[in-house]
Amino acid sequence: MTPDLTAPKLETPDAFYADLLAAHEGLTKAESDACNARLILLMANHIADNEVLRELLDAAKRR
């Protein structure tokens, strides 16, 4: 059985959300979109498992 990829795992999700918002502070929409794209690619590189990444893409489309 595949683990639930959307189950909460962050110790401090509110702190991460605050950091994410702060990273976008002062950016234009285009800059914010580019920052998100870079973040996604960095996280994908860190995960480094194409099967997991496909499952995450599918989960993101369903939500």
C-alpha atoms as a PDB file:
ATOM      1  CA  MET A   1       0.000   0.000   0.000  1.00  0.00           C
ATOM      2  CA  THR A   2       1.270   3.453  -0.926  1.00  0.00           C
ATOM      3  CA  PRO A   3       1.758   5.797   2.042  1.00  0.00           C
ATOM      4  CA  ASP A   4      -0.460   8.872   2.257  1.00  0.00           C
ATOM      5  CA  LEU A   5       1.725  11.541   0.676  1.00  0.00           C
ATOM      6  CA  THR A   6      -0.523  14.313   1.990  1.00  0.00           C
ATOM      7  CA  ALA A   7      -0.481  13.278   5.663  1.00  0.00           C
ATOM      8  CA  PRO A   8       0.970  16.074   7.829  1.00  0.00           C
ATOM      9  CA  LYS A   9       4.644  15.498   8.619  1.00  0.00           C
ATOM     10  CA  LEU A  10       6.074  18.955   9.313  1.00  0.00           C
ATOM     11  CA  GLU A  11       6.898  19.556  12.971  1.00  0.00           C
ATOM     12  CA  THR A  12       6.010  23.242  12.676  1.00  0.00           C
ATOM     13  CA  PRO A  13       3.842  23.771   9.583  1.00  0.00           C
ATOM     14  CA  ASP A  14       2.845  27.289  10.631  1.00  0.00           C
ATOM     15  CA  ALA A  15       6.506  28.297  10.829  1.00  0.00           C
ATOM     16  CA  PHE A  16       7.168  26.925   7.343  1.00  0.00           C
ATOM     17  CA  TYR A  17       4.097  28.745   5.998  1.00  0.00           C
ATOM     18  CA  ALA A  18       5.330  31.995   7.560  1.00  0.00           C
ATOM     19  CA  ASP A  19       8.766  31.451   5.985  1.00  0.00           C
ATOM     20  CA  LEU A  20       7.138  30.755   2.615  1.00  0.00           C
ATOM     21  CA  LEU A  21       5.096  33.944   2.798  1.00  0.00           C
ATOM     22  CA  ALA A  22       8.174  35.925   3.858  1.00  0.00           C
ATOM     23  CA  ALA A  23      10.139  34.554   0.896  1.00  0.00           C
ATOM     24  CA  HIS A  24       7.510  36.044  -1.440  1.00  0.00           C
ATOM     25  CA  GLU A  25       7.240  39.377   0.319  1.00  0.00           C
ATOM     26  CA  GLY A  26       7.936  42.264  -2.044  1.00  0.00           C
ATOM     27  CA  LEU A  27       8.012  40.074  -5.159  1.00  0.00           C
ATOM     28  CA  THR A  28       5.948  40.774  -8.226  1.00  0.00           C
ATOM     29  CA  LYS A  29       3.538  38.070  -9.418  1.00  0.00           C
ATOM     30  CA  ALA A  30       6.071  36.988 -12.052  1.00  0.00           C
ATOM     31  CA  GLU A  31       8.910  36.897  -9.499  1.00  0.00           C
ATOM     32  CA  SER A  32       6.723  34.968  -7.064  1.00  0.00           C
ATOM     33  CA  ASP A  33       5.800  32.441  -9.752  1.00  0.00           C
ATOM     34  CA  ALA A  34       9.484  32.032 -10.658  1.00  0.00           C
ATOM     35  CA  CYS A  35      10.385  31.590  -6.980  1.00  0.00           C
ATOM     36  CA  ASN A  36       7.722  28.884  -6.646  1.00  0.00           C
ATOM     37  CA  ALA A  37       9.021  27.126  -9.758  1.00  0.00           C
ATOM     38  CA  ARG A  38      12.584  27.157  -8.411  1.00  0.00           C
ATOM     39  CA  LEU A  39      11.376  25.896  -5.033  1.00  0.00           C
ATOM     40  CA  ILE A  40       9.489  23.027  -6.693  1.00  0.00           C
ATOM     41  CA  LEU A  41      12.571  22.039  -8.681  1.00  0.00           C
ATOM     42  CA  LEU A  42      14.803  22.210  -5.594  1.00  0.00           C
ATOM     43  CA  MET A  43      12.373  20.065  -3.617  1.00  0.00           C
ATOM     44  CA  ALA A  44      12.068  17.596  -6.504  1.00  0.00           C
ATOM     45  CA  ASN A  45      15.844  17.340  -6.660  1.00  0.00           C
ATOM     46  CA  HIS A  46      15.947  16.739  -2.909  1.00  0.00           C
ATOM     47  CA  ILE A  47      13.269  14.009  -3.106  1.00  0.00           C
ATOM     48  CA  ALA A  48      15.110  12.484  -6.079  1.00  0.00           C
ATOM     49  CA  ASP A  49      12.585   9.699  -6.684  1.00  0.00           C
ATOM     50  CA  ASN A  50      10.604   9.946  -9.924  1.00  0.00           C
ATOM     51  CA  GLU A  51       7.901   7.556  -8.721  1.00  0.00           C
ATOM     52  CA  VAL A  52       7.290   9.613  -5.580  1.00  0.00           C
ATOM     53  CA  LEU A  53       7.337  12.815  -7.628  1.00  0.00           C
ATOM     54  CA  ARG A  54       4.708  11.392 -10.029  1.00  0.00           C
ATOM     55  CA  GLU A  55       2.536  10.428  -7.061  1.00  0.00           C
ATOM     56  CA  LEU A  56       2.895  13.946  -5.657  1.00  0.00           C
ATOM     57  CA  LEU A  57       1.959  15.487  -9.012  1.00  0.00           C
ATOM     58  CA  ASP A  58      -1.128  13.285  -9.169  1.00  0.00           C
ATOM     59  CA  ALA A  59      -2.050  14.179  -5.576  1.00  0.00           C
ATOM     60  CA  ALA A  60      -1.629  17.896  -6.318  1.00  0.00           C
ATOM     61  CA  LYS A  61      -3.934  17.646  -9.343  1.00  0.00           C
ATOM     62  CA  ARG A  62      -6.613  15.881  -7.271  1.00  0.00           C
ATOM     63  CA  ARG A  63      -6.663  18.438  -4.448  1.00  0.00           C
END
